[in-house]
């Protein structure tokens, strides 16, 4: 279901988060979708949700071969947290 390798694990880790955090946000039943966009010929999806540690995070991912490939994870902004909590 999720596509992980050294590159995306390292990038997410630079922000202090783990694969488990990103996966929890994507699977959060209360997650909020954010604007999607195309880059490098791929559609990118964004969601705001809660991590395993309870943090509200913003995760960006692409779909590749039927798998979810997260590649960016950061703390949600104040506005994003408000949107999630509504």
PDB file of N, CA and C in Angstrom:
ATOM      1  N   UNK A   1       0.818  -1.199   0.000  1.00  0.00           N
ATOM      2  CA  UNK A   1       0.000   0.000   0.000  1.00  0.00           C
ATOM      3  C   UNK A   1       0.865   1.269   0.000  1.00  0.00           C
ATOM      4  N   UNK A   2       1.913   1.308   0.837  1.00  0.00           N
ATOM      5  CA  UNK A   2       2.800   2.479   0.886  1.00  0.00           C
ATOM      6  C   UNK A   2       4.130   2.126   0.242  1.00  0.00           C
ATOM      7  N   UNK A   3       4.697   3.092  -0.454  1.00  0.00           N
ATOM      8  CA  UNK A   3       5.972   2.926  -1.157  1.00  0.00           C
ATOM      9  C   UNK A   3       7.033   3.754  -0.441  1.00  0.00           C
ATOM     10  N   UNK A   4       7.946   3.070   0.235  1.00  0.00           N
ATOM     11  CA  UNK A   4       9.016   3.735   0.973  1.00  0.00           C
ATOM     12  C   UNK A   4      10.372   3.280   0.453  1.00  0.00           C
ATOM     13  N   UNK A   5      11.302   4.219   0.398  1.00  0.00           N
ATOM     14  CA  UNK A   5      12.702   3.895   0.124  1.00  0.00           C
ATOM     15  C   UNK A   5      13.554   4.908   0.881  1.00  0.00           C
ATOM     16  N   UNK A   6      14.843   4.803   0.725  1.00  0.00           N
ATOM     17  CA  UNK A   6      15.739   5.691   1.463  1.00  0.00           C
ATOM     18  C   UNK A   6      15.493   7.161   1.218  1.00  0.00           C
ATOM     19  N   UNK A   7      15.126   7.522  -0.013  1.00  0.00           N
ATOM     20  CA  UNK A   7      14.958   8.939  -0.366  1.00  0.00           C
ATOM     21  C   UNK A   7      13.787   9.575   0.372  1.00  0.00           C
ATOM     22  N   UNK A   8      12.609   8.959   0.305  1.00  0.00           N
ATOM     23  CA  UNK A   8      11.475   9.613   0.959  1.00  0.00           C
ATOM     24  C   UNK A   8      11.541   9.452   2.472  1.00  0.00           C
ATOM     25  N   UNK A   9      12.106   8.355   2.979  1.00  0.00           N
ATOM     26  CA  UNK A   9      12.285   8.218   4.430  1.00  0.00           C
ATOM     27  C   UNK A   9      13.236   9.282   4.972  1.00  0.00           C
ATOM     28  N   UNK A  10      14.313   9.519   4.230  1.00  0.00           N
ATOM     29  CA  UNK A  10      15.284  10.534   4.652  1.00  0.00           C
ATOM     30  C   UNK A  10      14.665  11.926   4.643  1.00  0.00           C
ATOM     31  N   UNK A  11      13.913  12.246   3.585  1.00  0.00           N
ATOM     32  CA  UNK A  11      13.314  13.581   3.490  1.00  0.00           C
ATOM     33  C   UNK A  11      12.322  13.829   4.626  1.00  0.00           C
ATOM     34  N   UNK A  12      11.469  12.860   4.895  1.00  0.00           N
ATOM     35  CA  UNK A  12      10.506  13.009   5.986  1.00  0.00           C
ATOM     36  C   UNK A  12      11.232  13.068   7.332  1.00  0.00           C
ATOM     37  N   UNK A  13      12.282  12.268   7.466  1.00  0.00           N
ATOM     38  CA  UNK A  13      13.069  12.266   8.700  1.00  0.00           C
ATOM     39  C   UNK A  13      13.740  13.599   8.988  1.00  0.00           C
ATOM     40  N   UNK A  14      14.103  14.337   7.929  1.00  0.00           N
ATOM     41  CA  UNK A  14      14.723  15.654   8.118  1.00  0.00           C
ATOM     42  C   UNK A  14      13.791  16.608   8.852  1.00  0.00           C
ATOM     43  N   UNK A  15      12.505  16.383   8.749  1.00  0.00           N
ATOM     44  CA  UNK A  15      11.515  17.228   9.414  1.00  0.00           C
ATOM     45  C   UNK A  15      11.139  16.667  10.789  1.00  0.00           C
ATOM     46  N   UNK A  16      11.788  15.565  11.179  1.00  0.00           N
ATOM     47  CA  UNK A  16      11.561  15.004  12.503  1.00  0.00           C
ATOM     48  C   UNK A  16      10.415  14.002  12.580  1.00  0.00           C
ATOM     49  N   UNK A  17       9.988  13.482  11.435  1.00  0.00           N
ATOM     50  CA  UNK A  17       8.857  12.552  11.435  1.00  0.00           C
ATOM     51  C   UNK A  17       9.255  11.209  10.840  1.00  0.00           C
ATOM     52  N   UNK A  18       8.399  10.223  11.035  1.00  0.00           N
ATOM     53  CA  UNK A  18       8.666   8.865  10.590  1.00  0.00           C
ATOM     54  C   UNK A  18       7.631   8.429   9.557  1.00  0.00           C
ATOM     55  N   UNK A  19       7.891   7.280   8.952  1.00  0.00           N
ATOM     56  CA  UNK A  19       6.929   6.695   8.026  1.00  0.00           C
ATOM     57  C   UNK A  19       5.602   6.450   8.738  1.00  0.00           C
ATOM     58  N   UNK A  20       5.656   5.992   9.988  1.00  0.00           N
ATOM     59  CA  UNK A  20       4.422   5.756  10.749  1.00  0.00           C
ATOM     60  C   UNK A  20       3.604   7.033  10.896  1.00  0.00           C
ATOM     61  N   UNK A  21       4.283   8.165  11.128  1.00  0.00           N
ATOM     62  CA  UNK A  21       3.576   9.447  11.249  1.00  0.00           C
ATOM     63  C   UNK A  21       2.850   9.781   9.944  1.00  0.00           C
ATOM     64  N   UNK A  22       3.563   9.704   8.826  1.00  0.00           N
ATOM     65  CA  UNK A  22       2.970  10.048   7.534  1.00  0.00           C
ATOM     66  C   UNK A  22       1.814   9.109   7.188  1.00  0.00           C
ATOM     67  N   UNK A  23       1.999   7.825   7.436  1.00  0.00           N
ATOM     68  CA  UNK A  23       0.942   6.862   7.146  1.00  0.00           C
ATOM     69  C   UNK A  23      -0.296   7.129   7.994  1.00  0.00           C
ATOM     70  N   UNK A  24      -0.085   7.454   9.277  1.00  0.00           N
ATOM     71  CA  UNK A  24      -1.228   7.735  10.166  1.00  0.00           C
ATOM     72  C   UNK A  24      -2.026   8.929   9.667  1.00  0.00           C
ATOM     73  N   UNK A  25      -1.337   9.967   9.180  1.00  0.00           N
ATOM     74  CA  UNK A  25      -2.017  11.153   8.657  1.00  0.00           C
ATOM     75  C   UNK A  25      -2.855  10.777   7.436  1.00  0.00           C
ATOM     76  N   UNK A  26      -2.272  10.021   6.529  1.00  0.00           N
ATOM     77  CA  UNK A  26      -2.979   9.637   5.297  1.00  0.00           C
ATOM     78  C   UNK A  26      -4.180   8.749   5.612  1.00  0.00           C
ATOM     79  N   UNK A  27      -4.058   7.897   6.614  1.00  0.00           N
ATOM     80  CA  UNK A  27      -5.131   6.968   6.972  1.00  0.00           C
ATOM     81  C   UNK A  27      -6.114   7.537   8.000  1.00  0.00           C
ATOM     82  N   UNK A  28      -5.830   8.722   8.525  1.00  0.00           N
ATOM     83  CA  UNK A  28      -6.697   9.353   9.529  1.00  0.00           C
ATOM     84  C   UNK A  28      -8.106   9.509   8.956  1.00  0.00           C
ATOM     85  N   UNK A  29      -9.115   8.906   9.584  1.00  0.00           N
ATOM     86  CA  UNK A  29     -10.480   9.035   9.042  1.00  0.00           C
ATOM     87  C   UNK A  29     -10.999  10.470   9.055  1.00  0.00           C
ATOM     88  N   UNK A  30     -10.382  11.347   9.863  1.00  0.00           N
ATOM     89  CA  UNK A  30     -10.795  12.753   9.927  1.00  0.00           C
ATOM     90  C   UNK A  30      -9.925  13.651   9.044  1.00  0.00           C
ATOM     91  N   UNK A  31      -9.036  13.052   8.265  1.00  0.00           N
ATOM     92  CA  UNK A  31      -8.105  13.854   7.458  1.00  0.00           C
ATOM     93  C   UNK A  31      -8.866  14.842   6.571  1.00  0.00           C
ATOM     94  N   UNK A  32      -8.177  15.923   6.250  1.00  0.00           N
ATOM     95  CA  UNK A  32      -8.738  16.969   5.398  1.00  0.00           C
ATOM     96  C   UNK A  32      -7.861  17.051   4.153  1.00  0.00           C
ATOM     97  N   UNK A  33      -8.483  17.005   3.015  1.00  0.00           N
ATOM     98  CA  UNK A  33      -7.736  17.151   1.768  1.00  0.00           C
ATOM     99  C   UNK A  33      -7.391  18.606   1.543  1.00  0.00           C
ATOM    100  N   UNK A  34      -6.239  18.823   0.974  1.00  0.00           N
ATOM    101  CA  UNK A  34      -5.829  20.178   0.595  1.00  0.00           C
ATOM    102  C   UNK A  34      -5.626  20.189  -0.914  1.00  0.00           C
ATOM    103  N   UNK A  35      -5.433  21.367  -1.468  1.00  0.00           N
ATOM    104  CA  UNK A  35      -5.300  21.508  -2.916  1.00  0.00           C
ATOM    105  C   UNK A  35      -4.278  20.538  -3.481  1.00  0.00           C
ATOM    106  N   UNK A  36      -4.598  19.962  -4.611  1.00  0.00           N
ATOM    107  CA  UNK A  36      -3.668  19.083  -5.311  1.00  0.00           C
ATOM    108  C   UNK A  36      -3.096  19.830  -6.495  1.00  0.00           C
ATOM    109  N   UNK A  37      -1.999  19.356  -6.969  1.00  0.00           N
ATOM    110  CA  UNK A  37      -1.353  20.001  -8.100  1.00  0.00           C
ATOM    111  C   UNK A  37      -0.514  18.967  -8.848  1.00  0.00           C
ATOM    112  N   UNK A  38      -0.090  19.318 -10.035  1.00  0.00           N
ATOM    113  CA  UNK A  38       0.766  18.451 -10.842  1.00  0.00           C
ATOM    114  C   UNK A  38       2.175  19.017 -10.853  1.00  0.00           C
ATOM    115  N   UNK A  39       3.138  18.134 -10.730  1.00  0.00           N
ATOM    116  CA  UNK A  39       4.541  18.523 -10.815  1.00  0.00           C
ATOM    117  C   UNK A  39       5.304  17.347 -11.398  1.00  0.00           C
ATOM    118  N   UNK A  40       6.186  17.645 -12.315  1.00  0.00           N
ATOM    119  CA  UNK A  40       6.984  16.596 -12.956  1.00  0.00           C
ATOM    120  C   UNK A  40       6.104  15.508 -13.562  1.00  0.00           C
ATOM    121  N   UNK A  41       4.950  15.905 -14.063  1.00  0.00           N
ATOM    122  CA  UNK A  41       4.061  14.963 -14.716  1.00  0.00           C
ATOM    123  C   UNK A  41       3.265  14.063 -13.789  1.00  0.00           C
ATOM    124  N   UNK A  42       3.324  14.318 -12.482  1.00  0.00           N
ATOM    125  CA  UNK A  42       2.574  13.509 -11.520  1.00  0.00           C
ATOM    126  C   UNK A  42       1.602  14.380 -10.737  1.00  0.00           C
ATOM    127  N   UNK A  43       0.445  13.842 -10.464  1.00  0.00           N
ATOM    128  CA  UNK A  43      -0.507  14.543  -9.610  1.00  0.00           C
ATOM    129  C   UNK A  43      -0.070  14.347  -8.163  1.00  0.00           C
ATOM    130  N   UNK A  44       0.017  15.438  -7.423  1.00  0.00           N
ATOM    131  CA  UNK A  44       0.401  15.400  -6.010  1.00  0.00           C
ATOM    132  C   UNK A  44      -0.827  15.688  -5.167  1.00  0.00           C
ATOM    133  N   UNK A  45      -0.943  14.971  -4.082  1.00  0.00           N
ATOM    134  CA  UNK A  45      -2.085  15.080  -3.178  1.00  0.00           C
ATOM    135  C   UNK A  45      -1.588  15.549  -1.824  1.00  0.00           C
ATOM    136  N   UNK A  46      -2.392  16.352  -1.162  1.00  0.00           N
ATOM    137  CA  UNK A  46      -2.043  16.820   0.172  1.00  0.00           C
ATOM    138  C   UNK A  46      -3.169  16.537   1.154  1.00  0.00           C
ATOM    139  N   UNK A  47      -2.795  16.165   2.369  1.00  0.00           N
ATOM    140  CA  UNK A  47      -3.773  15.944   3.435  1.00  0.00           C
ATOM    141  C   UNK A  47      -3.242  16.503   4.742  1.00  0.00           C
ATOM    142  N   UNK A  48      -4.173  16.895   5.589  1.00  0.00           N
ATOM    143  CA  UNK A  48      -3.870  17.311   6.954  1.00  0.00           C
ATOM    144  C   UNK A  48      -4.526  16.284   7.859  1.00  0.00           C
ATOM    145  N   UNK A  49      -3.768  15.776   8.815  1.00  0.00           N
ATOM    146  CA  UNK A  49      -4.314  14.779   9.724  1.00  0.00           C
ATOM    147  C   UNK A  49      -3.448  14.638  10.951  1.00  0.00           C
ATOM    148  N   UNK A  50      -3.819  13.672  11.785  1.00  0.00           N
ATOM    149  CA  UNK A  50      -3.136  13.483  13.063  1.00  0.00           C
ATOM    150  C   UNK A  50      -2.142  12.330  12.978  1.00  0.00           C
ATOM    151  N   UNK A  51      -0.949  12.549  13.533  1.00  0.00           N
ATOM    152  CA  UNK A  51       0.103  11.535  13.544  1.00  0.00           C
ATOM    153  C   UNK A  51      -0.092  10.568  14.706  1.00  0.00           C
ATOM    154  N   UNK A  52       0.747   9.550  14.768  1.00  0.00           N
ATOM    155  CA  UNK A  52       0.681   8.588  15.871  1.00  0.00           C
ATOM    156  C   UNK A  52       0.956   9.267  17.210  1.00  0.00           C
ATOM    157  N   UNK A  53       1.747  10.330  17.184  1.00  0.00           N
ATOM    158  CA  UNK A  53       2.068  11.059  18.411  1.00  0.00           C
ATOM    159  C   UNK A  53       1.079  12.152  18.759  1.00  0.00           C
ATOM    160  N   UNK A  54       0.041  12.319  17.930  1.00  0.00           N
ATOM    161  CA  UNK A  54      -0.976  13.330  18.204  1.00  0.00           C
ATOM    162  C   UNK A  54      -0.737  14.671  17.546  1.00  0.00           C
ATOM    163  N   UNK A  55       0.371  14.824  16.824  1.00  0.00           N
ATOM    164  CA  UNK A  55       0.641  16.080  16.116  1.00  0.00           C
ATOM    165  C   UNK A  55      -0.259  16.188  14.888  1.00  0.00           C
ATOM    166  N   UNK A  56      -0.653  17.417  14.563  1.00  0.00           N
ATOM    167  CA  UNK A  56      -1.403  17.669  13.330  1.00  0.00           C
ATOM    168  C   UNK A  56      -0.362  18.000  12.261  1.00  0.00           C
ATOM    169  N   UNK A  57      -0.333  17.192  11.202  1.00  0.00           N
ATOM    170  CA  UNK A  57       0.691  17.311  10.173  1.00  0.00           C
ATOM    171  C   UNK A  57       0.081  17.499   8.790  1.00  0.00           C
ATOM    172  N   UNK A  58       0.896  18.009   7.898  1.00  0.00           N
ATOM    173  CA  UNK A  58       0.552  18.159   6.485  1.00  0.00           C
ATOM    174  C   UNK A  58       1.456  17.199   5.715  1.00  0.00           C
ATOM    175  N   UNK A  59       0.856  16.283   4.958  1.00  0.00           N
ATOM    176  CA  UNK A  59       1.611  15.284   4.193  1.00  0.00           C
ATOM    177  C   UNK A  59       1.262  15.422   2.715  1.00  0.00           C
ATOM    178  N   UNK A  60       2.279  15.352   1.870  1.00  0.00           N
ATOM    179  CA  UNK A  60       2.088  15.371   0.418  1.00  0.00           C
ATOM    180  C   UNK A  60       2.563  14.022  -0.122  1.00  0.00           C
ATOM    181  N   UNK A  61       1.789  13.474  -1.068  1.00  0.00           N
ATOM    182  CA  UNK A  61       2.134  12.172  -1.629  1.00  0.00           C
ATOM    183  C   UNK A  61       1.704  12.088  -3.086  1.00  0.00           C
ATOM    184  N   UNK A  62       2.225  11.079  -3.774  1.00  0.00           N
ATOM    185  CA  UNK A  62       1.824  10.754  -5.143  1.00  0.00           C
ATOM    186  C   UNK A  62       1.366   9.304  -5.151  1.00  0.00           C
ATOM    187  N   UNK A  63       0.614   8.957  -6.182  1.00  0.00           N
ATOM    188  CA  UNK A  63       0.213   7.570  -6.400  1.00  0.00           C
ATOM    189  C   UNK A  63       1.113   7.011  -7.498  1.00  0.00           C
ATOM    190  N   UNK A  64       1.771   5.881  -7.207  1.00  0.00           N
ATOM    191  CA  UNK A  64       2.640   5.238  -8.192  1.00  0.00           C
ATOM    192  C   UNK A  64       2.359   3.740  -8.204  1.00  0.00           C
ATOM    193  N   UNK A  65       1.919   3.262  -9.341  1.00  0.00           N
ATOM    194  CA  UNK A  65       1.666   1.836  -9.478  1.00  0.00           C
ATOM    195  C   UNK A  65       0.661   1.305  -8.470  1.00  0.00           C
ATOM    196  N   UNK A  66      -0.323   2.122  -8.115  1.00  0.00           N
ATOM    197  CA  UNK A  66      -1.328   1.709  -7.155  1.00  0.00           C
ATOM    198  C   UNK A  66      -0.897   1.850  -5.704  1.00  0.00           C
ATOM    199  N   UNK A  67       0.330   2.327  -5.471  1.00  0.00           N
ATOM    200  CA  UNK A  67       0.832   2.530  -4.107  1.00  0.00           C
ATOM    201  C   UNK A  67       0.887   4.015  -3.767  1.00  0.00           C
ATOM    202  N   UNK A  68       0.811   4.305  -2.492  1.00  0.00           N
ATOM    203  CA  UNK A  68       0.910   5.678  -1.991  1.00  0.00           C
ATOM    204  C   UNK A  68       2.371   5.940  -1.654  1.00  0.00           C
ATOM    205  N   UNK A  69       2.927   6.991  -2.248  1.00  0.00           N
ATOM    206  CA  UNK A  69       4.323   7.340  -1.985  1.00  0.00           C
ATOM    207  C   UNK A  69       4.386   8.714  -1.332  1.00  0.00           C
ATOM    208  N   UNK A  70       4.414   8.754   0.010  1.00  0.00           N
ATOM    209  CA  UNK A  70       4.573  10.033   0.701  1.00  0.00           C
ATOM    210  C   UNK A  70       5.999  10.550   0.487  1.00  0.00           C
ATOM    211  N   UNK A  71       6.135  11.860   0.326  1.00  0.00           N
ATOM    212  CA  UNK A  71       7.490  12.393   0.156  1.00  0.00           C
ATOM    213  C   UNK A  71       7.712  13.688   0.914  1.00  0.00           C
ATOM    214  N   UNK A  72       6.687  14.208   1.545  1.00  0.00           N
ATOM    215  CA  UNK A  72       6.852  15.443   2.315  1.00  0.00           C
ATOM    216  C   UNK A  72       5.932  15.390   3.527  1.00  0.00           C
ATOM    217  N   UNK A  73       6.470  15.754   4.679  1.00  0.00           N
ATOM    218  CA  UNK A  73       5.688  15.756   5.920  1.00  0.00           C
ATOM    219  C   UNK A  73       6.215  16.885   6.799  1.00  0.00           C
ATOM    220  N   UNK A  74       5.307  17.729   7.245  1.00  0.00           N
ATOM    221  CA  UNK A  74       5.701  18.857   8.108  1.00  0.00           C
ATOM    222  C   UNK A  74       4.578  19.140   9.083  1.00  0.00           C
ATOM    223  N   UNK A  75       4.887  19.921  10.108  1.00  0.00           N
ATOM    224  CA  UNK A  75       3.850  20.351  11.047  1.00  0.00           C
ATOM    225  C   UNK A  75       2.856  21.242  10.303  1.00  0.00           C
ATOM    226  N   UNK A  76       1.602  21.084  10.612  1.00  0.00           N
ATOM    227  CA  UNK A  76       0.569  21.924  10.011  1.00  0.00           C
ATOM    228  C   UNK A  76       0.700  23.352  10.540  1.00  0.00           C
ATOM    229  N   UNK A  77       0.352  24.313   9.699  1.00  0.00           N
ATOM    230  CA  UNK A  77       0.315  25.710  10.133  1.00  0.00           C
ATOM    231  C   UNK A  77      -0.883  25.906  11.070  1.00  0.00           C
ATOM    232  N   UNK A  78      -0.943  27.032  11.722  1.00  0.00           N
ATOM    233  CA  UNK A  78      -2.085  27.332  12.595  1.00  0.00           C
ATOM    234  C   UNK A  78      -3.399  27.274  11.828  1.00  0.00           C
ATOM    235  N   UNK A  79      -3.414  27.843  10.631  1.00  0.00           N
ATOM    236  CA  UNK A  79      -4.635  27.826   9.809  1.00  0.00           C
ATOM    237  C   UNK A  79      -5.021  26.399   9.436  1.00  0.00           C
ATOM    238  N   UNK A  80      -4.028  25.572   9.100  1.00  0.00           N
ATOM    239  CA  UNK A  80      -4.312  24.183   8.752  1.00  0.00           C
ATOM    240  C   UNK A  80      -4.845  23.405   9.956  1.00  0.00           C
ATOM    241  N   UNK A  81      -4.303  23.684  11.137  1.00  0.00           N
ATOM    242  CA  UNK A  81      -4.794  23.027  12.354  1.00  0.00           C
ATOM    243  C   UNK A  81      -6.242  23.402  12.624  1.00  0.00           C
ATOM    244  N   UNK A  82      -6.568  24.681  12.451  1.00  0.00           N
ATOM    245  CA  UNK A  82      -7.969  25.116  12.634  1.00  0.00           C
ATOM    246  C   UNK A  82      -8.888  24.401  11.650  1.00  0.00           C
ATOM    247  N   UNK A  83      -8.445  24.328  10.414  1.00  0.00           N
ATOM    248  CA  UNK A  83      -9.252  23.647   9.389  1.00  0.00           C
ATOM    249  C   UNK A  83      -9.469  22.181   9.764  1.00  0.00           C
ATOM    250  N   UNK A  84      -8.454  21.520  10.249  1.00  0.00           N
ATOM    251  CA  UNK A  84      -8.571  20.106  10.642  1.00  0.00           C
ATOM    252  C   UNK A  84      -9.549  19.942  11.819  1.00  0.00           C
ATOM    253  N   UNK A  85      -9.508  20.871  12.756  1.00  0.00           N
ATOM    254  CA  UNK A  85     -10.303  20.737  13.976  1.00  0.00           C
ATOM    255  C   UNK A  85     -11.760  21.137  13.795  1.00  0.00           C
ATOM    256  N   UNK A  86     -12.131  21.745  12.672  1.00  0.00           N
ATOM    257  CA  UNK A  86     -13.513  22.180  12.437  1.00  0.00           C
ATOM    258  C   UNK A  86     -14.443  20.999  12.311  1.00  0.00           C
TER     259      UNK A  86
END
